[in-house]
């Protein structure tokens, strides 16, 4: 855990969030600035800055992260109509929190722009 990381503070219950799911490895919360009717963040509890910082040892974690996103999307009722999974990597991509997280967006037809 990084003491100045927003997501680490949320994981440690130092800051409030709308939790959708939690287990020993992951936290799923509602995005506070949603870009779609369903906009959730799947956050590993292990502090990894971004995809650029993943290592071979993280293969299992990433596989579990994606499978959890699929499961959450299904429970949210968007699996049938479709949803988007997005990793923002770095400032130019729009990554605003330096803690790896996967966006789940759905609930309507999403534009590509």
N, C-alpha and C. Protein backbone atom coordinates (compact mmCIF):
# COMPACT_ATOMS: atom_id res chain seq x y z
N UNK A 1 0.84 -1.19 0.00
CA UNK A 1 0.00 0.00 0.00
C UNK A 1 0.88 1.25 0.00
N UNK A 2 0.45 2.21 -0.77
CA UNK A 2 1.14 3.49 -0.83
C UNK A 2 0.33 4.50 -0.03
N UNK A 3 0.95 5.20 0.88
CA UNK A 3 0.22 6.08 1.80
C UNK A 3 -0.49 7.24 1.12
N UNK A 4 0.02 7.72 -0.03
CA UNK A 4 -0.61 8.85 -0.71
C UNK A 4 -1.52 8.44 -1.87
N UNK A 5 -1.72 7.15 -2.06
CA UNK A 5 -2.52 6.65 -3.17
C UNK A 5 -4.01 6.67 -2.81
N UNK A 6 -4.80 7.32 -3.65
CA UNK A 6 -6.24 7.42 -3.43
C UNK A 6 -6.89 6.04 -3.31
N UNK A 7 -6.56 5.13 -4.23
CA UNK A 7 -7.18 3.81 -4.19
C UNK A 7 -6.71 2.99 -2.99
N UNK A 8 -5.46 3.15 -2.58
CA UNK A 8 -4.99 2.46 -1.37
C UNK A 8 -5.76 2.96 -0.15
N UNK A 9 -6.06 4.25 -0.12
CA UNK A 9 -6.85 4.79 0.98
C UNK A 9 -8.27 4.24 0.97
N UNK A 10 -8.85 4.08 -0.22
CA UNK A 10 -10.18 3.49 -0.34
C UNK A 10 -10.14 2.02 0.10
N UNK A 11 -9.14 1.29 -0.35
CA UNK A 11 -8.99 -0.12 0.03
C UNK A 11 -8.86 -0.27 1.54
N UNK A 12 -8.15 0.65 2.17
CA UNK A 12 -7.94 0.62 3.62
C UNK A 12 -9.09 1.24 4.41
N UNK A 13 -10.16 1.61 3.72
CA UNK A 13 -11.35 2.21 4.34
C UNK A 13 -11.06 3.56 5.00
N UNK A 14 -10.03 4.25 4.53
CA UNK A 14 -9.72 5.59 5.01
C UNK A 14 -10.57 6.64 4.29
N UNK A 15 -11.07 6.27 3.11
CA UNK A 15 -11.96 7.14 2.33
C UNK A 15 -13.20 6.33 1.95
N UNK A 16 -14.36 6.99 1.86
CA UNK A 16 -15.58 6.28 1.49
C UNK A 16 -15.63 5.97 0.00
N UNK A 17 -16.39 4.95 -0.34
CA UNK A 17 -16.63 4.60 -1.75
C UNK A 17 -17.89 3.75 -1.81
N UNK A 18 -18.44 3.65 -3.01
CA UNK A 18 -19.61 2.81 -3.24
C UNK A 18 -19.11 1.44 -3.69
N UNK A 19 -18.96 0.53 -2.74
CA UNK A 19 -18.40 -0.79 -3.00
C UNK A 19 -19.46 -1.69 -3.62
N UNK A 20 -19.09 -2.32 -4.73
CA UNK A 20 -19.96 -3.27 -5.42
C UNK A 20 -19.55 -4.71 -5.08
N UNK A 21 -18.26 -4.91 -4.88
CA UNK A 21 -17.73 -6.26 -4.59
C UNK A 21 -16.38 -6.10 -3.89
N UNK A 22 -16.08 -7.03 -3.00
CA UNK A 22 -14.76 -7.04 -2.37
C UNK A 22 -14.39 -8.45 -1.96
N UNK A 23 -13.13 -8.81 -2.18
CA UNK A 23 -12.58 -10.04 -1.64
C UNK A 23 -11.16 -9.74 -1.17
N UNK A 24 -10.37 -10.76 -0.92
CA UNK A 24 -9.03 -10.53 -0.37
C UNK A 24 -8.05 -9.94 -1.38
N UNK A 25 -8.35 -10.02 -2.69
CA UNK A 25 -7.43 -9.52 -3.71
C UNK A 25 -7.92 -8.27 -4.45
N UNK A 26 -9.25 -8.07 -4.49
CA UNK A 26 -9.81 -7.01 -5.34
C UNK A 26 -10.92 -6.23 -4.65
N UNK A 27 -11.09 -5.02 -5.13
CA UNK A 27 -12.20 -4.17 -4.72
C UNK A 27 -12.84 -3.65 -6.00
N UNK A 28 -14.16 -3.69 -6.08
CA UNK A 28 -14.89 -3.12 -7.21
C UNK A 28 -15.76 -2.00 -6.67
N UNK A 29 -15.59 -0.80 -7.24
CA UNK A 29 -16.34 0.36 -6.78
C UNK A 29 -16.98 1.08 -7.96
N UNK A 30 -17.98 1.90 -7.65
CA UNK A 30 -18.57 2.76 -8.68
C UNK A 30 -17.65 3.93 -8.93
N UNK A 31 -17.48 4.28 -10.21
CA UNK A 31 -16.66 5.45 -10.57
C UNK A 31 -17.39 6.71 -10.11
N UNK A 32 -16.67 7.65 -9.52
CA UNK A 32 -17.33 8.87 -9.02
C UNK A 32 -17.61 9.87 -10.14
N UNK A 33 -17.03 9.66 -11.33
CA UNK A 33 -17.31 10.49 -12.50
C UNK A 33 -17.69 9.57 -13.66
N UNK A 34 -18.86 8.91 -13.58
CA UNK A 34 -19.20 7.88 -14.57
C UNK A 34 -19.33 8.44 -15.99
N UNK A 35 -18.82 7.64 -16.93
CA UNK A 35 -18.92 7.96 -18.35
C UNK A 35 -19.99 7.11 -19.04
N UNK A 36 -20.70 6.30 -18.27
CA UNK A 36 -21.75 5.43 -18.77
C UNK A 36 -22.68 5.12 -17.60
N UNK A 37 -23.92 4.64 -17.89
CA UNK A 37 -24.84 4.30 -16.81
C UNK A 37 -24.24 3.29 -15.82
N UNK A 38 -23.48 2.34 -16.33
CA UNK A 38 -22.72 1.42 -15.49
C UNK A 38 -21.25 1.75 -15.71
N UNK A 39 -20.58 2.22 -14.68
CA UNK A 39 -19.15 2.54 -14.78
C UNK A 39 -18.51 2.17 -13.45
N UNK A 40 -17.84 1.04 -13.47
CA UNK A 40 -17.22 0.48 -12.27
C UNK A 40 -15.72 0.37 -12.46
N UNK A 41 -15.00 0.34 -11.35
CA UNK A 41 -13.56 0.17 -11.36
C UNK A 41 -13.20 -1.10 -10.61
N UNK A 42 -12.45 -1.98 -11.26
CA UNK A 42 -11.94 -3.19 -10.63
C UNK A 42 -10.49 -2.89 -10.23
N UNK A 43 -10.23 -2.90 -8.94
CA UNK A 43 -8.95 -2.45 -8.40
C UNK A 43 -8.28 -3.59 -7.64
N UNK A 44 -7.07 -3.98 -8.06
CA UNK A 44 -6.35 -4.95 -7.23
C UNK A 44 -5.90 -4.29 -5.94
N UNK A 45 -5.93 -5.02 -4.86
CA UNK A 45 -5.50 -4.46 -3.57
C UNK A 45 -3.98 -4.29 -3.52
N UNK A 46 -3.27 -5.06 -4.30
CA UNK A 46 -1.82 -4.88 -4.40
C UNK A 46 -1.56 -3.60 -5.18
N UNK A 47 -0.70 -2.74 -4.68
CA UNK A 47 -0.41 -1.47 -5.36
C UNK A 47 0.55 -1.71 -6.52
N UNK A 48 0.01 -1.57 -7.73
CA UNK A 48 0.78 -1.60 -8.97
C UNK A 48 0.39 -0.32 -9.70
N UNK A 49 1.35 0.46 -10.16
CA UNK A 49 1.06 1.78 -10.72
C UNK A 49 0.19 1.70 -11.98
N UNK A 50 0.56 0.84 -12.93
CA UNK A 50 -0.20 0.72 -14.18
C UNK A 50 0.22 -0.56 -14.89
N UNK A 51 -0.37 -0.80 -16.05
CA UNK A 51 -0.01 -1.96 -16.86
C UNK A 51 1.49 -1.96 -17.15
N UNK A 52 2.08 -0.78 -17.31
CA UNK A 52 3.52 -0.69 -17.59
C UNK A 52 4.38 -1.28 -16.48
N UNK A 53 3.83 -1.45 -15.31
CA UNK A 53 4.59 -1.96 -14.16
C UNK A 53 4.29 -3.43 -13.86
N UNK A 54 3.50 -4.07 -14.70
CA UNK A 54 3.22 -5.49 -14.50
C UNK A 54 4.46 -6.32 -14.79
N UNK A 55 4.60 -7.41 -14.07
CA UNK A 55 5.71 -8.33 -14.25
C UNK A 55 5.16 -9.74 -14.48
N UNK A 56 6.01 -10.65 -14.87
CA UNK A 56 5.60 -12.03 -15.12
C UNK A 56 4.84 -12.62 -13.94
N UNK A 57 5.24 -12.26 -12.73
CA UNK A 57 4.59 -12.79 -11.52
C UNK A 57 3.14 -12.34 -11.40
N UNK A 58 2.73 -11.33 -12.17
CA UNK A 58 1.38 -10.78 -12.07
C UNK A 58 0.37 -11.42 -13.04
N UNK A 59 0.81 -12.44 -13.80
CA UNK A 59 -0.08 -13.07 -14.78
C UNK A 59 -1.38 -13.57 -14.15
N UNK A 60 -1.28 -14.26 -13.05
CA UNK A 60 -2.47 -14.81 -12.39
C UNK A 60 -3.39 -13.68 -11.91
N UNK A 61 -2.80 -12.64 -11.33
CA UNK A 61 -3.58 -11.51 -10.84
C UNK A 61 -4.38 -10.86 -11.98
N UNK A 62 -3.74 -10.66 -13.11
CA UNK A 62 -4.42 -10.01 -14.25
C UNK A 62 -5.51 -10.92 -14.80
N UNK A 63 -5.25 -12.21 -14.87
CA UNK A 63 -6.28 -13.14 -15.31
C UNK A 63 -7.49 -13.11 -14.40
N UNK A 64 -7.26 -13.10 -13.10
CA UNK A 64 -8.35 -13.03 -12.13
C UNK A 64 -9.09 -11.70 -12.23
N UNK A 65 -8.35 -10.62 -12.48
CA UNK A 65 -8.96 -9.30 -12.60
C UNK A 65 -9.95 -9.26 -13.77
N UNK A 66 -9.53 -9.79 -14.92
CA UNK A 66 -10.40 -9.79 -16.10
C UNK A 66 -11.60 -10.71 -15.89
N UNK A 67 -11.40 -11.87 -15.30
CA UNK A 67 -12.52 -12.77 -15.04
C UNK A 67 -13.49 -12.18 -14.03
N UNK A 68 -12.98 -11.45 -13.04
CA UNK A 68 -13.86 -10.77 -12.09
C UNK A 68 -14.67 -9.69 -12.81
N UNK A 69 -14.03 -8.94 -13.70
CA UNK A 69 -14.75 -7.91 -14.46
C UNK A 69 -15.89 -8.54 -15.26
N UNK A 70 -15.63 -9.67 -15.89
CA UNK A 70 -16.67 -10.39 -16.65
C UNK A 70 -17.83 -10.78 -15.73
N UNK A 71 -17.52 -11.32 -14.57
CA UNK A 71 -18.54 -11.74 -13.61
C UNK A 71 -19.36 -10.55 -13.11
N UNK A 72 -18.69 -9.45 -12.79
CA UNK A 72 -19.38 -8.25 -12.30
C UNK A 72 -20.28 -7.68 -13.40
N UNK A 73 -19.78 -7.64 -14.63
CA UNK A 73 -20.59 -7.14 -15.75
C UNK A 73 -21.87 -7.97 -15.90
N UNK A 74 -21.74 -9.28 -15.75
CA UNK A 74 -22.92 -10.15 -15.84
C UNK A 74 -23.90 -9.84 -14.72
N UNK A 75 -23.40 -9.69 -13.49
CA UNK A 75 -24.28 -9.39 -12.35
C UNK A 75 -24.94 -8.01 -12.49
N UNK A 76 -24.29 -7.11 -13.18
CA UNK A 76 -24.85 -5.77 -13.40
C UNK A 76 -25.86 -5.76 -14.54
N UNK A 77 -25.99 -6.89 -15.25
CA UNK A 77 -26.98 -7.02 -16.31
C UNK A 77 -26.55 -6.46 -17.65
N UNK A 78 -25.26 -6.25 -17.83
CA UNK A 78 -24.80 -5.66 -19.09
C UNK A 78 -24.06 -6.65 -19.99
N UNK A 79 -23.89 -7.88 -19.54
CA UNK A 79 -23.14 -8.86 -20.33
C UNK A 79 -23.82 -9.16 -21.66
N UNK A 80 -25.14 -9.23 -21.66
CA UNK A 80 -25.88 -9.58 -22.88
C UNK A 80 -25.82 -8.46 -23.92
N UNK A 81 -26.04 -7.23 -23.50
CA UNK A 81 -26.06 -6.11 -24.44
C UNK A 81 -24.66 -5.62 -24.79
N UNK A 82 -23.70 -5.85 -23.92
CA UNK A 82 -22.32 -5.48 -24.19
C UNK A 82 -21.77 -4.48 -23.20
N UNK A 83 -20.47 -4.51 -23.06
CA UNK A 83 -19.79 -3.60 -22.14
C UNK A 83 -18.36 -3.41 -22.64
N UNK A 84 -17.70 -2.43 -22.08
CA UNK A 84 -16.33 -2.12 -22.46
C UNK A 84 -15.42 -2.28 -21.23
N UNK A 85 -14.25 -2.89 -21.46
CA UNK A 85 -13.21 -2.98 -20.43
C UNK A 85 -12.05 -2.11 -20.89
N UNK A 86 -11.58 -1.22 -20.01
CA UNK A 86 -10.53 -0.26 -20.39
C UNK A 86 -9.47 -0.15 -19.29
N UNK A 87 -8.22 -0.28 -19.70
CA UNK A 87 -7.08 0.10 -18.87
C UNK A 87 -6.55 1.41 -19.42
N UNK A 88 -6.53 2.47 -18.64
CA UNK A 88 -5.84 3.69 -19.02
C UNK A 88 -4.42 3.56 -18.47
N UNK A 89 -3.44 3.85 -19.32
CA UNK A 89 -2.04 3.67 -18.93
C UNK A 89 -1.29 4.98 -19.16
N UNK A 90 -1.00 5.68 -18.08
CA UNK A 90 -0.26 6.93 -18.17
C UNK A 90 -1.16 8.14 -18.32
N UNK A 91 -0.58 9.29 -18.11
CA UNK A 91 -1.33 10.56 -18.10
C UNK A 91 -2.04 10.84 -19.43
N UNK A 92 -1.36 10.61 -20.57
CA UNK A 92 -1.96 10.93 -21.87
C UNK A 92 -3.18 10.07 -22.18
N UNK A 93 -3.31 8.93 -21.52
CA UNK A 93 -4.47 8.06 -21.74
C UNK A 93 -5.66 8.48 -20.90
N UNK A 94 -5.39 9.32 -19.90
CA UNK A 94 -6.45 9.71 -18.98
C UNK A 94 -6.35 9.05 -17.62
N UNK A 95 -5.26 8.31 -17.36
CA UNK A 95 -5.08 7.70 -16.04
C UNK A 95 -4.85 8.82 -15.03
N UNK A 96 -5.75 8.92 -14.06
CA UNK A 96 -5.65 9.99 -13.06
C UNK A 96 -5.22 9.49 -11.69
N UNK A 97 -5.29 8.18 -11.47
CA UNK A 97 -4.84 7.58 -10.21
C UNK A 97 -3.75 6.57 -10.55
N UNK A 98 -2.58 6.73 -9.96
CA UNK A 98 -1.46 5.84 -10.24
C UNK A 98 -1.57 4.55 -9.43
N UNK A 99 -2.63 3.80 -9.73
CA UNK A 99 -2.87 2.48 -9.14
C UNK A 99 -3.67 1.73 -10.21
N UNK A 100 -3.13 0.62 -10.66
CA UNK A 100 -3.75 -0.18 -11.71
C UNK A 100 -5.24 -0.39 -11.43
N UNK A 101 -6.08 -0.15 -12.43
CA UNK A 101 -7.51 -0.44 -12.29
C UNK A 101 -8.10 -0.64 -13.68
N UNK A 102 -9.15 -1.43 -13.73
CA UNK A 102 -9.84 -1.76 -14.96
C UNK A 102 -11.24 -1.17 -14.91
N UNK A 103 -11.57 -0.36 -15.93
CA UNK A 103 -12.90 0.22 -16.02
C UNK A 103 -13.85 -0.78 -16.67
N UNK A 104 -15.05 -0.92 -16.11
CA UNK A 104 -16.16 -1.64 -16.75
C UNK A 104 -17.20 -0.58 -17.07
N UNK A 105 -17.54 -0.44 -18.36
CA UNK A 105 -18.54 0.55 -18.76
C UNK A 105 -19.60 -0.12 -19.63
N UNK A 106 -20.86 0.19 -19.34
CA UNK A 106 -21.95 -0.38 -20.11
C UNK A 106 -23.26 0.26 -19.73
N UNK A 107 -24.34 -0.39 -20.14
CA UNK A 107 -25.66 0.12 -19.81
C UNK A 107 -26.29 0.94 -20.91
N UNK A 108 -25.52 1.20 -21.97
CA UNK A 108 -26.02 1.91 -23.15
C UNK A 108 -25.01 1.67 -24.28
N UNK A 109 -25.41 2.03 -25.50
CA UNK A 109 -24.48 1.95 -26.62
C UNK A 109 -23.39 2.99 -26.39
N UNK A 110 -22.15 2.55 -26.39
CA UNK A 110 -21.04 3.43 -26.08
C UNK A 110 -20.36 3.94 -27.35
N UNK A 111 -20.15 5.24 -27.45
CA UNK A 111 -19.45 5.78 -28.62
C UNK A 111 -17.96 5.46 -28.54
N UNK A 112 -17.30 5.46 -29.66
CA UNK A 112 -15.86 5.25 -29.69
C UNK A 112 -15.19 6.58 -29.98
N UNK A 113 -15.11 7.41 -28.95
CA UNK A 113 -14.45 8.72 -29.11
C UNK A 113 -14.06 9.27 -27.78
